[in-house]
Amino acid sequence: MNGRDVCEFCDGEVDLRVVQTTFRYRGETIYVDSVPARVCNKCGERYFDAPVYKRLEEIARHNTAIKKTICFPLAEYNMTFA
């Protein structure tokens, strides 16, 4: 992104933030906290600079060193309501 940081999808303004993100690597999903990202203020699209993305890959490659596991409820999109 050059000049003013603008979202490629909605033309919203993009700011640097620190986020929690999911990262898929070789069929596995991990959650990573405190990740620097550029985030659109309008639609929420996230952009990661190349060094940040490479670091996420490195973290995922060494996922056996991850010490903390989180649990969360998972709903099915097509679930019915009575």
PDB file of N, CA and C in Angstrom:
ATOM      1  N   MET A   1       0.842  -1.174   0.000  1.00  0.00           N
ATOM      2  CA  MET A   1       0.000   0.000   0.000  1.00  0.00           C
ATOM      3  C   MET A   1       0.886   1.235   0.000  1.00  0.00           C
ATOM      4  N   ASN A   2       0.618   2.132  -0.886  1.00  0.00           N
ATOM      5  CA  ASN A   2       1.453   3.321  -0.961  1.00  0.00           C
ATOM      6  C   ASN A   2       0.623   4.575  -0.704  1.00  0.00           C
ATOM      7  N   GLY A   3       1.274   5.619  -0.201  1.00  0.00           N
ATOM      8  CA  GLY A   3       0.568   6.839   0.150  1.00  0.00           C
ATOM      9  C   GLY A   3      -0.340   6.575   1.330  1.00  0.00           C
ATOM     10  N   ARG A   4      -1.563   7.047   1.220  1.00  0.00           N
ATOM     11  CA  ARG A   4      -2.573   6.801   2.246  1.00  0.00           C
ATOM     12  C   ARG A   4      -2.961   5.327   2.183  1.00  0.00           C
ATOM     13  N   ASP A   5      -2.992   4.648   3.314  1.00  0.00           N
ATOM     14  CA  ASP A   5      -3.366   3.234   3.320  1.00  0.00           C
ATOM     15  C   ASP A   5      -4.869   3.111   3.129  1.00  0.00           C
ATOM     16  N   VAL A   6      -5.258   2.479   2.010  1.00  0.00           N
ATOM     17  CA  VAL A   6      -6.662   2.328   1.643  1.00  0.00           C
ATOM     18  C   VAL A   6      -6.956   0.848   1.423  1.00  0.00           C
ATOM     19  N   CYS A   7      -8.095   0.397   1.903  1.00  0.00           N
ATOM     20  CA  CYS A   7      -8.518  -0.993   1.736  1.00  0.00           C
ATOM     21  C   CYS A   7      -8.756  -1.296   0.266  1.00  0.00           C
ATOM     22  N   GLU A   8      -8.271  -2.445  -0.177  1.00  0.00           N
ATOM     23  CA  GLU A   8      -8.448  -2.876  -1.565  1.00  0.00           C
ATOM     24  C   GLU A   8      -9.889  -3.258  -1.875  1.00  0.00           C
ATOM     25  N   PHE A   9     -10.682  -3.543  -0.852  1.00  0.00           N
ATOM     26  CA  PHE A   9     -12.042  -4.036  -1.061  1.00  0.00           C
ATOM     27  C   PHE A   9     -13.108  -2.953  -0.950  1.00  0.00           C
ATOM     28  N   CYS A  10     -12.945  -2.009  -0.015  1.00  0.00           N
ATOM     29  CA  CYS A  10     -14.025  -1.042   0.209  1.00  0.00           C
ATOM     30  C   CYS A  10     -13.556   0.406   0.205  1.00  0.00           C
ATOM     31  N   ASP A  11     -12.263   0.648  -0.033  1.00  0.00           N
ATOM     32  CA  ASP A  11     -11.677   1.988  -0.020  1.00  0.00           C
ATOM     33  C   ASP A  11     -11.709   2.655   1.353  1.00  0.00           C
ATOM     34  N   GLY A  12     -11.928   1.868   2.398  1.00  0.00           N
ATOM     35  CA  GLY A  12     -11.868   2.400   3.762  1.00  0.00           C
ATOM     36  C   GLY A  12     -10.430   2.700   4.153  1.00  0.00           C
ATOM     37  N   GLU A  13     -10.269   3.459   5.216  1.00  0.00           N
ATOM     38  CA  GLU A  13      -8.935   3.799   5.714  1.00  0.00           C
ATOM     39  C   GLU A  13      -8.377   2.636   6.523  1.00  0.00           C
ATOM     40  N   VAL A  14      -7.104   2.352   6.335  1.00  0.00           N
ATOM     41  CA  VAL A  14      -6.437   1.230   6.992  1.00  0.00           C
ATOM     42  C   VAL A  14      -5.437   1.768   8.009  1.00  0.00           C
ATOM     43  N   ASP A  15      -5.530   1.259   9.243  1.00  0.00           N
ATOM     44  CA  ASP A  15      -4.650   1.683  10.331  1.00  0.00           C
ATOM     45  C   ASP A  15      -3.877   0.496  10.885  1.00  0.00           C
ATOM     46  N   LEU A  16      -2.726   0.784  11.463  1.00  0.00           N
ATOM     47  CA  LEU A  16      -1.928  -0.251  12.112  1.00  0.00           C
ATOM     48  C   LEU A  16      -2.537  -0.559  13.476  1.00  0.00           C
ATOM     49  N   ARG A  17      -2.725  -1.851  13.745  1.00  0.00           N
ATOM     50  CA  ARG A  17      -3.276  -2.313  15.030  1.00  0.00           C
ATOM     51  C   ARG A  17      -2.544  -3.581  15.456  1.00  0.00           C
ATOM     52  N   VAL A  18      -2.793  -3.981  16.676  1.00  0.00           N
ATOM     53  CA  VAL A  18      -2.308  -5.257  17.185  1.00  0.00           C
ATOM     54  C   VAL A  18      -3.549  -6.112  17.408  1.00  0.00           C
ATOM     55  N   VAL A  19      -3.589  -7.298  16.772  1.00  0.00           N
ATOM     56  CA  VAL A  19      -4.796  -8.120  16.765  1.00  0.00           C
ATOM     57  C   VAL A  19      -4.507  -9.550  17.191  1.00  0.00           C
ATOM     58  N   GLN A  20      -5.588 -10.274  17.487  1.00  0.00           N
ATOM     59  CA  GLN A  20      -5.521 -11.721  17.625  1.00  0.00           C
ATOM     60  C   GLN A  20      -6.009 -12.268  16.291  1.00  0.00           C
ATOM     61  N   THR A  21      -5.313 -13.235  15.733  1.00  0.00           N
ATOM     62  CA  THR A  21      -5.708 -13.746  14.416  1.00  0.00           C
ATOM     63  C   THR A  21      -5.616 -15.256  14.367  1.00  0.00           C
ATOM     64  N   THR A  22      -6.361 -15.825  13.437  1.00  0.00           N
ATOM     65  CA  THR A  22      -6.220 -17.249  13.148  1.00  0.00           C
ATOM     66  C   THR A  22      -5.235 -17.379  11.999  1.00  0.00           C
ATOM     67  N   PHE A  23      -4.529 -18.490  11.967  1.00  0.00           N
ATOM     68  CA  PHE A  23      -3.570 -18.737  10.902  1.00  0.00           C
ATOM     69  C   PHE A  23      -3.636 -20.208  10.540  1.00  0.00           C
ATOM     70  N   ARG A  24      -3.933 -20.490   9.277  1.00  0.00           N
ATOM     71  CA  ARG A  24      -3.986 -21.874   8.797  1.00  0.00           C
ATOM     72  C   ARG A  24      -2.658 -22.246   8.144  1.00  0.00           C
ATOM     73  N   TYR A  25      -2.163 -23.429   8.525  1.00  0.00           N
ATOM     74  CA  TYR A  25      -0.889 -23.900   7.994  1.00  0.00           C
ATOM     75  C   TYR A  25      -0.950 -25.415   7.923  1.00  0.00           C
ATOM     76  N   ARG A  26      -0.829 -25.950   6.716  1.00  0.00           N
ATOM     77  CA  ARG A  26      -0.837 -27.401   6.491  1.00  0.00           C
ATOM     78  C   ARG A  26      -2.037 -28.084   7.153  1.00  0.00           C
ATOM     79  N   GLY A  27      -3.216 -27.511   6.960  1.00  0.00           N
ATOM     80  CA  GLY A  27      -4.442 -28.109   7.469  1.00  0.00           C
ATOM     81  C   GLY A  27      -4.726 -27.872   8.938  1.00  0.00           C
ATOM     82  N   GLU A  28      -3.850 -27.192   9.619  1.00  0.00           N
ATOM     83  CA  GLU A  28      -4.034 -26.894  11.042  1.00  0.00           C
ATOM     84  C   GLU A  28      -4.347 -25.415  11.207  1.00  0.00           C
ATOM     85  N   THR A  29      -5.146 -25.081  12.197  1.00  0.00           N
ATOM     86  CA  THR A  29      -5.444 -23.687  12.514  1.00  0.00           C
ATOM     87  C   THR A  29      -4.907 -23.384  13.895  1.00  0.00           C
ATOM     88  N   ILE A  30      -4.168 -22.281  13.992  1.00  0.00           N
ATOM     89  CA  ILE A  30      -3.709 -21.811  15.300  1.00  0.00           C
ATOM     90  C   ILE A  30      -4.212 -20.383  15.484  1.00  0.00           C
ATOM     91  N   TYR A  31      -4.293 -19.972  16.713  1.00  0.00           N
ATOM     92  CA  TYR A  31      -4.646 -18.601  17.057  1.00  0.00           C
ATOM     93  C   TYR A  31      -3.389 -17.934  17.582  1.00  0.00           C
ATOM     94  N   VAL A  32      -3.113 -16.734  17.114  1.00  0.00           N
ATOM     95  CA  VAL A  32      -1.903 -16.032  17.521  1.00  0.00           C
ATOM     96  C   VAL A  32      -2.316 -14.663  18.055  1.00  0.00           C
ATOM     97  N   ASP A  33      -1.836 -14.339  19.230  1.00  0.00           N
ATOM     98  CA  ASP A  33      -2.155 -13.075  19.892  1.00  0.00           C
ATOM     99  C   ASP A  33      -1.068 -12.046  19.630  1.00  0.00           C
ATOM    100  N   SER A  34      -1.419 -10.793  19.722  1.00  0.00           N
ATOM    101  CA  SER A  34      -0.482  -9.668  19.645  1.00  0.00           C
ATOM    102  C   SER A  34       0.231  -9.583  18.298  1.00  0.00           C
ATOM    103  N   VAL A  35      -0.513  -9.712  17.209  1.00  0.00           N
ATOM    104  CA  VAL A  35       0.048  -9.686  15.862  1.00  0.00           C
ATOM    105  C   VAL A  35      -0.140  -8.293  15.252  1.00  0.00           C
ATOM    106  N   PRO A  36       0.929  -7.653  14.784  1.00  0.00           N
ATOM    107  CA  PRO A  36       0.759  -6.364  14.109  1.00  0.00           C
ATOM    108  C   PRO A  36       0.102  -6.563  12.744  1.00  0.00           C
ATOM    109  N   ALA A  37      -0.928  -5.784  12.475  1.00  0.00           N
ATOM    110  CA  ALA A  37      -1.654  -5.903  11.208  1.00  0.00           C
ATOM    111  C   ALA A  37      -2.182  -4.536  10.817  1.00  0.00           C
ATOM    112  N   ARG A  38      -2.425  -4.379   9.539  1.00  0.00           N
ATOM    113  CA  ARG A  38      -3.114  -3.188   9.051  1.00  0.00           C
ATOM    114  C   ARG A  38      -4.564  -3.607   8.867  1.00  0.00           C
ATOM    115  N   VAL A  39      -5.480  -2.859   9.517  1.00  0.00           N
ATOM    116  CA  VAL A  39      -6.890  -3.249   9.559  1.00  0.00           C
ATOM    117  C   VAL A  39      -7.750  -2.119   9.016  1.00  0.00           C
ATOM    118  N   CYS A  40      -8.684  -2.473   8.130  1.00  0.00           N
ATOM    119  CA  CYS A  40      -9.601  -1.488   7.558  1.00  0.00           C
ATOM    120  C   CYS A  40     -10.610  -1.061   8.609  1.00  0.00           C
ATOM    121  N   ASN A  41     -10.771   0.236   8.790  1.00  0.00           N
ATOM    122  CA  ASN A  41     -11.734   0.778   9.748  1.00  0.00           C
ATOM    123  C   ASN A  41     -13.179   0.587   9.285  1.00  0.00           C
ATOM    124  N   LYS A  42     -13.364   0.318   8.003  1.00  0.00           N
ATOM    125  CA  LYS A  42     -14.718   0.211   7.447  1.00  0.00           C
ATOM    126  C   LYS A  42     -15.208  -1.239   7.391  1.00  0.00           C
ATOM    127  N   CYS A  43     -14.427  -2.127   6.774  1.00  0.00           N
ATOM    128  CA  CYS A  43     -14.885  -3.508   6.594  1.00  0.00           C
ATOM    129  C   CYS A  43     -14.145  -4.532   7.446  1.00  0.00           C
ATOM    130  N   GLY A  44     -13.037  -4.136   8.084  1.00  0.00           N
ATOM    131  CA  GLY A  44     -12.309  -5.047   8.965  1.00  0.00           C
ATOM    132  C   GLY A  44     -11.283  -5.936   8.281  1.00  0.00           C
ATOM    133  N   GLU A  45     -11.120  -5.788   6.957  1.00  0.00           N
ATOM    134  CA  GLU A  45     -10.107  -6.588   6.247  1.00  0.00           C
ATOM    135  C   GLU A  45      -8.742  -6.381   6.897  1.00  0.00           C
ATOM    136  N   ARG A  46      -7.978  -7.458   7.015  1.00  0.00           N
ATOM    137  CA  ARG A  46      -6.657  -7.404   7.644  1.00  0.00           C
ATOM    138  C   ARG A  46      -5.576  -7.644   6.606  1.00  0.00           C
ATOM    139  N   TYR A  47      -4.494  -6.886   6.742  1.00  0.00           N
ATOM    140  CA  TYR A  47      -3.327  -7.025   5.873  1.00  0.00           C
ATOM    141  C   TYR A  47      -2.108  -7.258   6.760  1.00  0.00           C
ATOM    142  N   PHE A  48      -1.297  -8.254   6.399  1.00  0.00           N
ATOM    143  CA  PHE A  48      -0.085  -8.553   7.155  1.00  0.00           C
ATOM    144  C   PHE A  48       1.121  -8.277   6.267  1.00  0.00           C
ATOM    145  N   ASP A  49       2.083  -7.534   6.779  1.00  0.00           N
ATOM    146  CA  ASP A  49       3.323  -7.294   6.051  1.00  0.00           C
ATOM    147  C   ASP A  49       4.069  -8.626   5.911  1.00  0.00           C
ATOM    148  N   ALA A  50       4.904  -8.740   4.897  1.00  0.00           N
ATOM    149  CA  ALA A  50       5.618  -9.993   4.611  1.00  0.00           C
ATOM    150  C   ALA A  50       6.402 -10.531   5.810  1.00  0.00           C
ATOM    151  N   PRO A  51       7.155  -9.702   6.557  1.00  0.00           N
ATOM    152  CA  PRO A  51       7.884 -10.253   7.707  1.00  0.00           C
ATOM    153  C   PRO A  51       6.945 -10.805   8.788  1.00  0.00           C
ATOM    154  N   VAL A  52       5.787 -10.181   8.956  1.00  0.00           N
ATOM    155  CA  VAL A  52       4.808 -10.658   9.938  1.00  0.00           C
ATOM    156  C   VAL A  52       4.253 -12.007   9.477  1.00  0.00           C
ATOM    157  N   TYR A  53       3.908 -12.132   8.197  1.00  0.00           N
ATOM    158  CA  TYR A  53       3.390 -13.382   7.656  1.00  0.00           C
ATOM    159  C   TYR A  53       4.420 -14.508   7.791  1.00  0.00           C
ATOM    160  N   LYS A  54       5.678 -14.202   7.510  1.00  0.00           N
ATOM    161  CA  LYS A  54       6.743 -15.209   7.653  1.00  0.00           C
ATOM    162  C   LYS A  54       6.872 -15.656   9.109  1.00  0.00           C
ATOM    163  N   ARG A  55       6.710 -14.714  10.053  1.00  0.00           N
ATOM    164  CA  ARG A  55       6.772 -15.056  11.477  1.00  0.00           C
ATOM    165  C   ARG A  55       5.589 -15.948  11.858  1.00  0.00           C
ATOM    166  N   LEU A  56       4.397 -15.669  11.321  1.00  0.00           N
ATOM    167  CA  LEU A  56       3.240 -16.523  11.586  1.00  0.00           C
ATOM    168  C   LEU A  56       3.492 -17.938  11.073  1.00  0.00           C
ATOM    169  N   GLU A  57       4.096 -18.068   9.894  1.00  0.00           N
ATOM    170  CA  GLU A  57       4.453 -19.388   9.367  1.00  0.00           C
ATOM    171  C   GLU A  57       5.429 -20.105  10.287  1.00  0.00           C
ATOM    172  N   GLU A  58       6.415 -19.370  10.771  1.00  0.00           N
ATOM    173  CA  GLU A  58       7.413 -19.956  11.681  1.00  0.00           C
ATOM    174  C   GLU A  58       6.744 -20.451  12.965  1.00  0.00           C
ATOM    175  N   ILE A  59       5.846 -19.646  13.521  1.00  0.00           N
ATOM    176  CA  ILE A  59       5.129 -20.049  14.734  1.00  0.00           C
ATOM    177  C   ILE A  59       4.323 -21.315  14.459  1.00  0.00           C
ATOM    178  N   ALA A  60       3.622 -21.361  13.324  1.00  0.00           N
ATOM    179  CA  ALA A  60       2.807 -22.532  12.975  1.00  0.00           C
ATOM    180  C   ALA A  60       3.661 -23.775  12.767  1.00  0.00           C
ATOM    181  N   ARG A  61       4.837 -23.613  12.148  1.00  0.00           N
ATOM    182  CA  ARG A  61       5.735 -24.750  11.930  1.00  0.00           C
ATOM    183  C   ARG A  61       6.182 -25.365  13.251  1.00  0.00           C
ATOM    184  N   HIS A  62       6.302 -24.549  14.268  1.00  0.00           N
ATOM    185  CA  HIS A  62       6.760 -25.017  15.580  1.00  0.00           C
ATOM    186  C   HIS A  62       5.596 -25.118  16.555  1.00  0.00           C
ATOM    187  N   ASN A  63       4.429 -25.552  16.062  1.00  0.00           N
ATOM    188  CA  ASN A  63       3.241 -25.552  16.904  1.00  0.00           C
ATOM    189  C   ASN A  63       3.329 -26.497  18.094  1.00  0.00           C
ATOM    190  N   THR A  64       4.265 -27.429  18.112  1.00  0.00           N
ATOM    191  CA  THR A  64       4.411 -28.302  19.280  1.00  0.00           C
ATOM    192  C   THR A  64       4.960 -27.536  20.473  1.00  0.00           C
ATOM    193  N   ALA A  65       5.528 -26.365  20.226  1.00  0.00           N
ATOM    194  CA  ALA A  65       6.051 -25.541  21.322  1.00  0.00           C
ATOM    195  C   ALA A  65       4.970 -24.644  21.922  1.00  0.00           C
ATOM    196  N   ILE A  66       3.774 -24.642  21.330  1.00  0.00           N
ATOM    197  CA  ILE A  66       2.689 -23.810  21.862  1.00  0.00           C
ATOM    198  C   ILE A  66       2.224 -24.411  23.176  1.00  0.00           C
ATOM    199  N   LYS A  67       2.190 -23.598  24.220  1.00  0.00           N
ATOM    200  CA  LYS A  67       1.911 -24.085  25.571  1.00  0.00           C
ATOM    201  C   LYS A  67       0.474 -23.870  26.023  1.00  0.00           C
ATOM    202  N   LYS A  68      -0.284 -23.013  25.332  1.00  0.00           N
ATOM    203  CA  LYS A  68      -1.616 -22.658  25.804  1.00  0.00           C
ATOM    204  C   LYS A  68      -2.662 -23.103  24.776  1.00  0.00           C
ATOM    205  N   THR A  69      -3.750 -23.681  25.273  1.00  0.00           N
ATOM    206  CA  THR A  69      -4.859 -24.085  24.431  1.00  0.00           C
ATOM    207  C   THR A  69      -6.105 -23.349  24.903  1.00  0.00           C
ATOM    208  N   ILE A  70      -6.896 -22.841  23.946  1.00  0.00           N
ATOM    209  CA  ILE A  70      -8.144 -22.177  24.311  1.00  0.00           C
ATOM    210  C   ILE A  70      -9.311 -22.995  23.767  1.00  0.00           C
ATOM    211  N   CYS A  71     -10.445 -22.901  24.419  1.00  0.00           N
ATOM    212  CA  CYS A  71     -11.652 -23.590  23.983  1.00  0.00           C
ATOM    213  C   CYS A  71     -12.728 -22.550  23.704  1.00  0.00           C
ATOM    214  N   PHE A  72     -13.560 -22.824  22.714  1.00  0.00           N
ATOM    215  CA  PHE A  72     -14.646 -21.910  22.413  1.00  0.00           C
ATOM    216  C   PHE A  72     -15.796 -22.694  21.801  1.00  0.00           C
ATOM    217  N   PRO A  73     -17.021 -22.166  21.955  1.00  0.00           N
ATOM    218  CA  PRO A  73     -18.167 -22.873  21.367  1.00  0.00           C
ATOM    219  C   PRO A  73     -18.134 -22.778  19.846  1.00  0.00           C
ATOM    220  N   LEU A  74     -18.546 -23.849  19.195  1.00  0.00           N
ATOM    221  CA  LEU A  74     -18.582 -23.892  17.738  1.00  0.00           C
ATOM    222  C   LEU A  74     -19.981 -24.292  17.310  1.00  0.00           C
ATOM    223  N   ALA A  75     -20.655 -23.420  16.572  1.00  0.00           N
ATOM    224  CA  ALA A  75     -22.001 -23.696  16.086  1.00  0.00           C
ATOM    225  C   ALA A  75     -21.941 -24.113  14.624  1.00  0.00           C
ATOM    226  N   GLU A  76     -22.904 -24.888  14.201  1.00  0.00           N
ATOM    227  CA  GLU A  76     -23.048 -25.249  12.797  1.00  0.00           C
ATOM    228  C   GLU A  76     -23.891 -24.182  12.121  1.00  0.00           C
ATOM    229  N   TYR A  77     -23.484 -23.721  10.972  1.00  0.00           N
ATOM    230  CA  TYR A  77     -24.197 -22.668  10.251  1.00  0.00           C
ATOM    231  C   TYR A  77     -25.633 -23.101   9.928  1.00  0.00           C
ATOM    232  N   ASN A  78     -25.805 -24.361   9.563  1.00  0.00           N
ATOM    233  CA  ASN A  78     -27.117 -24.830   9.142  1.00  0.00           C
ATOM    234  C   ASN A  78     -27.950 -25.423  10.263  1.00  0.00           C
ATOM    235  N   MET A  79     -27.633 -25.093  11.504  1.00  0.00           N
ATOM    236  CA  MET A  79     -28.399 -25.640  12.620  1.00  0.00           C
ATOM    237  C   MET A  79     -29.819 -25.065  12.612  1.00  0.00           C
ATOM    238  N   THR A  80     -30.776 -25.870  13.065  1.00  0.00           N
ATOM    239  CA  THR A  80     -32.169 -25.435  13.097  1.00  0.00           C
ATOM    240  C   THR A  80     -32.525 -24.946  14.483  1.00  0.00           C
ATOM    241  N   PHE A  81     -33.514 -24.082  14.525  1.00  0.00           N
ATOM    242  CA  PHE A  81     -33.984 -23.544  15.805  1.00  0.00           C
ATOM    243  C   PHE A  81     -35.420 -23.989  16.039  1.00  0.00           C
ATOM    244  N   ALA A  82     -35.670 -24.483  17.211  1.00  0.00           N
ATOM    245  CA  ALA A  82     -37.033 -24.969  17.538  1.00  0.00           C
ATOM    246  C   ALA A  82     -37.849 -23.859  18.167  1.00  0.00           C
TER     247      ALA A  82
END
